[in-house]
Amino acid sequence: MSPHVDGKRRIHRSVTLGVPLAVLAAFAMAGTADATSGPAQPRVTHTATLGDIPLGTFSNALLPGTVTDDRGVDLGGIGSDIYPAGRKGEFWTVTDRGPNGQIKVDGKKRRTFPVPGFDPAIVKIRVCGDTVKVIDSIPITTSSGKPVTGLSDQAGRDEAPYSYDARTPLAYNPNGLDTEGIVRAKDGSFWLVDEYSPSLVHVSARGKVLARYVPKGLDLTGADYPVVEALPAVLLHRKTNRGLEGLAQLPDGDLVMALQSPLSLPDADAGDASRNTRLLRFSPRERAVTAEYAYRFDPVNVVDPSEDDTSELKISSVVAVGGDRLLVEERTDKAARLQSVRLTRDANILGGPWDSDTTSPSLE
């Protein structure tokens, strides 16, 4: 494992258990580690199941009339991220952009939205024995109270949205959010990250978007909420559907966002071959990014011995475990590992050459 980007300032890391962050609480150590056996292996100690909740019933109870046909789909995908709600067994979670898939038409994949009226929501759950119960739900809405939806934002930048059968184009929606990470601030508001722009989204305790912070130069027009160009412009080179994924809240209230995959710099091939992605620190008080860090993945066959495609590496979650320390989940679709990360002042690359898309070679 390499602890830093070769020849660059580093973030110190040490490997920890290979378990997904979202289910960390459901694992316990099976024995103890010693010098000969290595780290003890995790084991599942408990499972709980969310019952069948028709998606139309769920959505229309929050915003009547938003879903006319849920096509038999139940509520799912509420675990895009999870954040403790204070009481034992209770958590805040957030949905993703809703049911979606891909269908090939004339040899090309099209992104389908079987329930285009679905609105992303913040969902509070309680684990009771073997059951997961929904105890509160908050729809994410625009300034005027309309659903943001999970539809793609911009033509030419995001995947074109299609109907369930991939035959009928759907309208782009500049309000649309592909929500991922979630944390709750002391004032009761929420912070989310989104893959489309990519963006950081501040949401009121009742779900109204207060501000969406996007990369400089994005030029997202037509949104029914404030859009603030406050993130580094280099993020405009994010891979499609690989924007901001993880979000952590540090003890001082600052936020750390994780870019899911390396940027496509100078091109897509370089991004697919790269093991260098980025973490960004954001100050809610200053409403600005205050630091940026290069994060280097382990080789893909270390994270997942069955995988040899470096482009399958992703960050899915980050959690603060101290003033300058994080747990970062590296994963493929079949395996995951946790890394312990320390953020240091001398590792800050914000505003330097790696934030310019003309730097050659690029960070990626």
Protein backbone atom coordinates (compact mmCIF):
# COMPACT_ATOMS: atom_id res chain seq x y z
CA MET A 1 0.00 0.00 0.00
CA SER A 2 1.36 3.41 -0.95
CA PRO A 3 0.62 6.07 1.71
CA HIS A 4 0.84 9.03 -0.64
CA VAL A 5 0.82 10.27 -4.20
CA ASP A 6 4.31 9.63 -5.51
CA GLY A 7 6.40 12.78 -5.25
CA LYS A 8 3.54 14.84 -3.84
CA ARG A 9 2.60 16.01 -0.36
CA ARG A 10 0.81 13.23 1.41
CA ILE A 11 -2.15 12.22 3.49
CA HIS A 12 -1.07 9.66 6.08
CA ARG A 13 -3.09 6.43 5.96
CA SER A 14 -3.24 3.10 7.65
CA VAL A 15 -5.38 0.18 6.60
CA THR A 16 -8.20 -1.00 8.85
CA LEU A 17 -10.95 -3.58 8.48
CA GLY A 18 -12.29 -4.36 5.02
CA VAL A 19 -15.98 -3.67 5.71
CA PRO A 20 -18.40 -1.16 4.19
CA LEU A 21 -18.96 1.93 6.34
CA ALA A 22 -22.71 1.82 5.97
CA VAL A 23 -22.87 -1.53 7.73
CA LEU A 24 -19.96 -1.08 10.12
CA ALA A 25 -22.25 -1.20 13.16
CA ALA A 26 -23.44 -4.63 12.15
CA PHE A 27 -19.97 -6.17 12.36
CA ALA A 28 -17.86 -7.34 15.28
CA MET A 29 -14.36 -8.72 15.56
CA ALA A 30 -14.07 -12.48 15.44
CA GLY A 31 -11.10 -12.97 17.77
CA THR A 32 -8.07 -10.70 18.17
CA ALA A 33 -5.14 -9.93 15.94
CA ASP A 34 -1.59 -11.06 16.58
CA ALA A 35 1.74 -10.77 14.79
CA THR A 36 1.33 -14.05 12.94
CA SER A 37 -2.32 -14.12 12.00
CA GLY A 38 -2.72 -10.46 10.99
CA PRO A 39 -5.89 -8.43 11.53
CA ALA A 40 -8.89 -10.34 12.85
CA GLN A 41 -11.65 -10.79 10.30
CA PRO A 42 -15.02 -9.05 10.60
CA ARG A 43 -18.21 -11.03 10.93
CA VAL A 44 -21.87 -10.12 10.62
CA THR A 45 -23.49 -9.97 14.05
CA HIS A 46 -27.01 -8.83 13.13
CA THR A 47 -29.23 -8.11 10.15
CA ALA A 48 -32.48 -6.18 9.82
CA THR A 49 -34.83 -5.80 6.87
CA LEU A 50 -36.90 -2.92 5.52
CA GLY A 51 -40.41 -4.14 4.72
CA ASP A 52 -42.21 -3.60 1.41
CA ILE A 53 -43.35 0.02 1.03
CA PRO A 54 -44.83 0.88 -2.39
CA LEU A 55 -42.87 3.75 -3.86
CA GLY A 56 -45.98 5.57 -5.02
CA THR A 57 -47.53 5.40 -1.55
CA PHE A 58 -44.36 6.68 0.05
CA SER A 59 -43.81 9.53 -2.44
CA ASN A 60 -47.41 10.74 -2.63
CA ALA A 61 -47.69 10.86 1.16
CA LEU A 62 -44.85 13.42 1.13
CA LEU A 63 -45.76 15.33 -2.03
CA PRO A 64 -49.24 14.37 -3.32
CA GLY A 65 -49.44 13.62 -7.03
CA THR A 66 -45.73 13.28 -7.71
CA VAL A 67 -45.89 9.59 -8.70
CA THR A 68 -48.73 8.47 -10.94
CA ASP A 69 -47.33 4.98 -11.61
CA ASP A 70 -44.57 3.40 -9.52
CA ARG A 71 -44.50 0.35 -11.85
CA GLY A 72 -44.61 -1.95 -8.86
CA VAL A 73 -41.37 -0.64 -7.37
CA ASP A 74 -41.01 -0.53 -3.58
CA LEU A 75 -39.11 2.08 -1.60
CA GLY A 76 -35.41 1.22 -1.73
CA GLY A 77 -32.03 2.87 -2.02
CA ILE A 78 -32.53 4.69 1.29
CA GLY A 79 -28.97 3.82 2.28
CA SER A 80 -27.05 6.14 -0.01
CA ASP A 81 -25.62 7.24 3.32
CA ILE A 82 -26.43 6.94 7.00
CA TYR A 83 -25.88 9.29 9.96
CA PRO A 84 -26.62 8.71 13.67
CA ALA A 85 -29.84 10.38 14.80
CA GLY A 86 -28.94 10.53 18.50
CA ARG A 87 -31.02 7.69 19.92
CA LYS A 88 -29.75 4.14 19.90
CA GLY A 89 -30.85 2.32 16.77
CA GLU A 90 -32.05 5.47 15.00
CA PHE A 91 -30.39 6.94 11.92
CA TRP A 92 -30.88 9.62 9.30
CA THR A 93 -30.53 8.23 5.78
CA VAL A 94 -30.96 9.65 2.30
CA THR A 95 -32.32 8.07 -0.88
CA ASP A 96 -30.52 8.14 -4.18
CA ARG A 97 -32.07 9.62 -7.32
CA GLY A 98 -34.68 6.88 -7.46
CA PRO A 99 -35.23 3.85 -9.70
CA ASN A 100 -32.96 3.98 -12.73
CA GLY A 101 -31.20 1.62 -15.07
CA GLN A 102 -29.64 1.24 -18.47
CA ILE A 103 -31.01 -0.28 -21.67
CA LYS A 104 -29.16 -0.60 -24.96
CA VAL A 105 -30.82 0.95 -27.99
CA ASP A 106 -29.01 0.73 -31.33
CA GLY A 107 -25.92 -0.47 -29.49
CA LYS A 108 -25.76 2.47 -27.07
CA LYS A 109 -26.75 2.47 -23.40
CA ARG A 110 -29.51 4.86 -22.33
CA ARG A 111 -30.21 5.91 -18.73
CA THR A 112 -33.80 5.07 -17.84
CA PHE A 113 -36.00 6.51 -15.09
CA PRO A 114 -39.00 4.18 -14.57
CA VAL A 115 -40.51 6.55 -11.97
CA PRO A 116 -39.45 10.03 -13.16
CA GLY A 117 -41.69 11.78 -10.62
CA PHE A 118 -39.76 10.30 -7.69
CA ASP A 119 -38.35 12.94 -5.36
CA PRO A 120 -35.20 12.23 -3.29
CA ALA A 121 -35.94 12.22 0.42
CA ILE A 122 -34.27 12.23 3.81
CA VAL A 123 -35.55 9.21 5.72
CA LYS A 124 -35.25 8.59 9.45
CA ILE A 125 -35.20 4.93 10.39
CA ARG A 126 -35.26 2.87 13.56
CA VAL A 127 -33.81 -0.63 13.80
CA CYS A 128 -36.11 -2.77 15.96
CA GLY A 129 -34.86 -6.33 16.26
CA ASP A 130 -34.88 -7.77 12.77
CA THR A 131 -36.90 -4.93 11.26
CA VAL A 132 -36.04 -1.51 9.86
CA LYS A 133 -38.92 0.94 10.36
CA VAL A 134 -39.35 4.32 8.69
CA ILE A 135 -40.25 6.79 11.45
CA ASP A 136 -39.93 10.09 9.56
CA SER A 137 -39.52 11.24 5.96
CA ILE A 138 -38.61 14.66 4.60
CA PRO A 139 -38.97 15.41 0.86
CA ILE A 140 -36.19 17.49 -0.70
CA THR A 141 -37.78 20.51 -2.35
CA THR A 142 -36.94 23.73 -4.18
CA SER A 143 -37.37 27.22 -2.78
CA SER A 144 -41.01 27.23 -3.91
CA GLY A 145 -41.70 23.79 -2.42
CA LYS A 146 -41.60 21.78 -5.64
CA PRO A 147 -39.87 18.38 -5.81
CA VAL A 148 -36.26 18.53 -6.97
CA THR A 149 -36.61 15.05 -8.62
CA GLY A 150 -33.69 12.80 -9.42
CA LEU A 151 -33.54 13.64 -13.12
CA SER A 152 -30.36 14.71 -14.91
CA ASP A 153 -29.48 18.42 -14.84
CA GLN A 154 -27.73 19.47 -18.02
CA ALA A 155 -27.64 18.28 -21.62
CA GLY A 156 -24.14 17.42 -22.78
CA ARG A 157 -22.87 16.99 -19.25
CA ASP A 158 -25.17 14.48 -17.56
CA GLU A 159 -26.63 11.27 -18.95
CA ALA A 160 -29.70 11.92 -21.10
CA PRO A 161 -32.81 10.76 -19.19
CA TYR A 162 -35.24 8.33 -20.84
CA SER A 163 -38.53 6.66 -19.99
CA TYR A 164 -38.68 3.17 -18.47
CA ASP A 165 -38.36 1.50 -21.90
CA ALA A 166 -35.53 3.81 -23.10
CA ARG A 167 -37.67 4.93 -26.04
CA THR A 168 -38.92 8.37 -24.94
CA PRO A 169 -36.54 11.20 -23.96
CA LEU A 170 -37.41 12.94 -20.69
CA ALA A 171 -36.82 16.61 -19.97
CA TYR A 172 -33.68 17.60 -18.11
CA ASN A 173 -34.30 19.22 -14.73
CA PRO A 174 -31.77 21.77 -13.40
CA ASN A 175 -33.18 21.16 -9.90
CA GLY A 176 -32.43 17.42 -10.10
CA LEU A 177 -30.18 15.83 -7.48
CA ASP A 178 -28.42 12.48 -7.33
CA THR A 179 -28.04 12.59 -3.57
CA GLU A 180 -25.40 10.53 -1.79
CA GLY A 181 -23.69 11.54 1.52
CA ILE A 182 -25.60 13.04 4.45
CA VAL A 183 -24.75 14.69 7.78
CA ARG A 184 -26.91 16.71 10.15
CA ALA A 185 -25.71 20.05 11.50
CA LYS A 186 -26.24 21.27 15.07
CA ASP A 187 -29.01 23.64 13.92
CA GLY A 188 -31.04 20.72 12.55
CA SER A 189 -30.31 21.40 8.88
CA PHE A 190 -28.74 18.79 6.63
CA TRP A 191 -25.78 18.73 4.27
CA LEU A 192 -25.81 16.39 1.28
CA VAL A 193 -23.47 15.70 -1.62
CA ASP A 194 -24.60 15.11 -5.18
CA GLU A 195 -23.04 13.32 -8.14
CA TYR A 196 -24.44 15.39 -11.00
CA SER A 197 -22.59 18.72 -10.80
CA PRO A 198 -20.91 17.51 -8.53
CA SER A 199 -22.25 19.60 -5.68
CA LEU A 200 -22.64 20.16 -1.95
CA VAL A 201 -26.24 20.87 -0.97
CA HIS A 202 -27.47 22.62 2.18
CA VAL A 203 -31.02 21.59 3.08
CA SER A 204 -33.25 22.98 5.82
CA ALA A 205 -34.66 20.82 8.60
CA ARG A 206 -37.85 20.63 6.53
CA GLY A 207 -36.08 19.62 3.32
CA LYS A 208 -35.95 22.90 1.41
CA VAL A 209 -32.73 23.46 -0.55
CA LEU A 210 -31.07 26.53 0.96
CA ALA A 211 -28.07 26.53 -1.37
CA ARG A 212 -26.32 24.27 -3.84
CA TYR A 213 -22.55 24.75 -4.06
CA VAL A 214 -21.20 23.75 -7.48
CA PRO A 215 -17.88 23.99 -9.36
CA LYS A 216 -16.86 27.36 -10.72
CA GLY A 217 -17.83 27.71 -14.36
CA LEU A 218 -20.64 25.12 -14.27
CA ASP A 219 -23.24 27.68 -15.38
CA LEU A 220 -26.25 25.78 -14.07
CA THR A 221 -29.24 27.93 -14.98
CA GLY A 222 -32.95 27.60 -14.31
CA ALA A 223 -32.75 26.10 -10.83
CA ASP A 224 -35.45 27.05 -8.32
CA TYR A 225 -32.99 27.56 -5.45
CA PRO A 226 -29.71 29.46 -4.96
CA VAL A 227 -26.78 28.01 -6.93
CA VAL A 228 -23.34 29.15 -5.73
CA GLU A 229 -20.18 28.49 -7.75
CA ALA A 230 -17.83 27.81 -4.85
CA LEU A 231 -16.07 24.50 -5.61
CA PRO A 232 -12.83 24.21 -7.62
CA ALA A 233 -13.43 24.39 -11.38
CA VAL A 234 -11.29 21.30 -11.91
CA LEU A 235 -14.24 19.22 -10.60
CA LEU A 236 -15.99 19.91 -13.90
CA HIS A 237 -13.87 17.01 -15.19
CA ARG A 238 -15.59 14.44 -12.96
CA LYS A 239 -16.49 11.14 -14.60
CA THR A 240 -20.14 10.78 -15.56
CA ASN A 241 -22.08 9.37 -12.60
CA ARG A 242 -18.92 9.51 -10.45
CA GLY A 243 -19.26 12.85 -8.67
CA LEU A 244 -19.18 13.56 -4.93
CA GLU A 245 -20.14 10.46 -2.97
CA GLY A 246 -18.95 10.57 0.66
CA LEU A 247 -19.49 13.31 3.24
CA ALA A 248 -18.13 13.65 6.77
CA GLN A 249 -18.66 16.29 9.47
CA LEU A 250 -15.61 17.16 11.57
CA PRO A 251 -15.95 18.11 15.26
CA ASP A 252 -15.54 21.82 14.44
CA GLY A 253 -18.45 21.68 11.97
CA ASP A 254 -16.35 21.67 8.80
CA LEU A 255 -17.30 19.16 6.11
CA VAL A 256 -15.10 16.79 4.12
CA MET A 257 -16.35 15.66 0.70
CA ALA A 258 -14.97 12.71 -1.23
CA LEU A 259 -14.85 12.54 -5.00
CA GLN A 260 -15.92 9.01 -5.88
CA SER A 261 -13.36 8.45 -8.65
CA PRO A 262 -10.34 10.14 -10.25
CA LEU A 263 -11.12 13.03 -12.58
CA SER A 264 -10.93 12.51 -16.32
CA LEU A 265 -7.72 14.51 -16.69
CA PRO A 266 -6.35 15.00 -19.23
CA ASP A 267 -8.87 12.55 -20.69
CA ALA A 268 -11.12 9.62 -19.85
CA ASP A 269 -8.39 7.03 -20.41
CA ALA A 270 -6.11 8.74 -17.91
CA GLY A 271 -8.93 8.92 -15.37
CA ASP A 272 -9.76 5.23 -15.79
CA ALA A 273 -6.13 4.25 -15.21
CA SER A 274 -5.57 6.60 -12.26
CA ARG A 275 -5.54 5.76 -8.55
CA ASN A 276 -5.54 9.43 -7.44
CA THR A 277 -8.80 11.06 -6.39
CA ARG A 278 -9.58 14.05 -4.15
CA LEU A 279 -11.02 15.06 -0.77
CA LEU A 280 -12.24 18.61 -0.17
CA ARG A 281 -12.77 20.46 3.11
CA PHE A 282 -15.61 23.00 3.21
CA SER A 283 -16.32 25.59 5.88
CA PRO A 284 -20.08 26.22 6.32
CA ARG A 285 -19.21 29.41 8.18
CA GLU A 286 -17.07 30.76 5.33
CA ARG A 287 -19.20 29.07 2.67
CA ALA A 288 -16.02 28.11 0.89
CA VAL A 289 -13.63 25.25 0.25
CA THR A 290 -10.68 25.74 2.59
CA ALA A 291 -8.52 22.71 1.72
CA GLU A 292 -8.12 19.98 -0.86
CA TYR A 293 -6.22 16.72 -0.56
CA ALA A 294 -4.93 14.12 -2.98
CA TYR A 295 -6.10 10.64 -2.02
CA ARG A 296 -4.39 7.58 -3.48
CA PHE A 297 -6.27 4.29 -3.75
CA ASP A 298 -4.61 0.98 -3.05
CA PRO A 299 -4.09 -1.13 -6.19
CA VAL A 300 -7.40 -2.59 -7.30
CA ASN A 301 -6.31 -6.18 -6.71
CA VAL A 302 -5.48 -5.27 -3.10
CA VAL A 303 -8.96 -3.87 -2.52
CA ASP A 304 -10.57 -6.71 -4.48
CA PRO A 305 -8.43 -9.74 -5.39
CA SER A 306 -10.97 -10.74 -8.05
CA GLU A 307 -10.70 -7.43 -9.95
CA ASP A 308 -8.02 -6.15 -12.35
CA ASP A 309 -9.77 -3.02 -13.71
CA THR A 310 -8.47 0.08 -11.92
CA SER A 311 -11.49 2.11 -13.04
CA GLU A 312 -13.66 0.01 -10.70
CA LEU A 313 -12.11 1.70 -7.65
CA LYS A 314 -14.44 4.11 -5.84
CA ILE A 315 -14.84 5.97 -2.56
CA SER A 316 -18.34 5.42 -1.21
CA SER A 317 -18.25 6.79 2.33
CA VAL A 318 -16.20 8.90 4.70
CA VAL A 319 -16.73 9.31 8.44
CA ALA A 320 -14.94 11.66 10.86
CA VAL A 321 -13.26 9.92 13.82
CA GLY A 322 -11.46 12.95 15.24
CA GLY A 323 -10.39 16.50 14.55
CA ASP A 324 -8.19 15.58 11.60
CA ARG A 325 -8.93 11.90 11.06
CA LEU A 326 -11.33 10.07 8.78
CA LEU A 327 -12.34 6.56 7.89
CA VAL A 328 -12.54 6.22 4.11
CA GLU A 329 -14.23 3.31 2.38
CA GLU A 330 -12.51 2.15 -0.80
CA ARG A 331 -14.50 -0.36 -2.80
CA THR A 332 -15.32 -2.11 -6.03
CA ASP A 333 -18.76 -3.61 -6.65
CA LYS A 334 -17.72 -6.80 -4.85
CA ALA A 335 -15.31 -5.84 -2.07
CA ALA A 336 -14.43 -2.99 0.27
CA ARG A 337 -11.72 -1.83 2.66
CA LEU A 338 -11.57 0.91 5.27
CA GLN A 339 -8.61 3.27 5.44
CA SER A 340 -7.69 5.47 8.38
CA VAL A 341 -6.70 8.90 7.05
CA ARG A 342 -5.08 11.89 8.74
CA LEU A 343 -5.51 15.31 7.11
CA THR A 344 -2.43 17.51 7.53
CA ARG A 345 -1.84 21.16 6.66
CA ASP A 346 1.15 20.39 4.47
CA ALA A 347 -0.99 18.04 2.34
CA ASN A 348 -3.31 20.86 1.22
CA ILE A 349 -3.16 21.26 -2.59
CA LEU A 350 -6.01 23.81 -2.90
CA GLY A 351 -5.27 26.55 -5.41
CA GLY A 352 -2.05 24.94 -6.58
CA PRO A 353 -1.11 23.48 -9.98
CA TRP A 354 -3.25 20.36 -9.45
CA ASP A 355 -6.37 22.56 -9.54
CA SER A 356 -5.57 23.62 -13.09
CA ASP A 357 -6.68 21.42 -15.98
CA THR A 358 -3.70 22.69 -18.00
CA THR A 359 -1.10 21.21 -15.64
CA SER A 360 0.82 18.41 -17.35
CA PRO A 361 1.08 15.78 -16.19
CA SER A 362 -2.14 16.10 -14.23
CA LEU A 363 -2.55 14.83 -10.67
CA GLU A 364 -4.47 11.92 -12.15
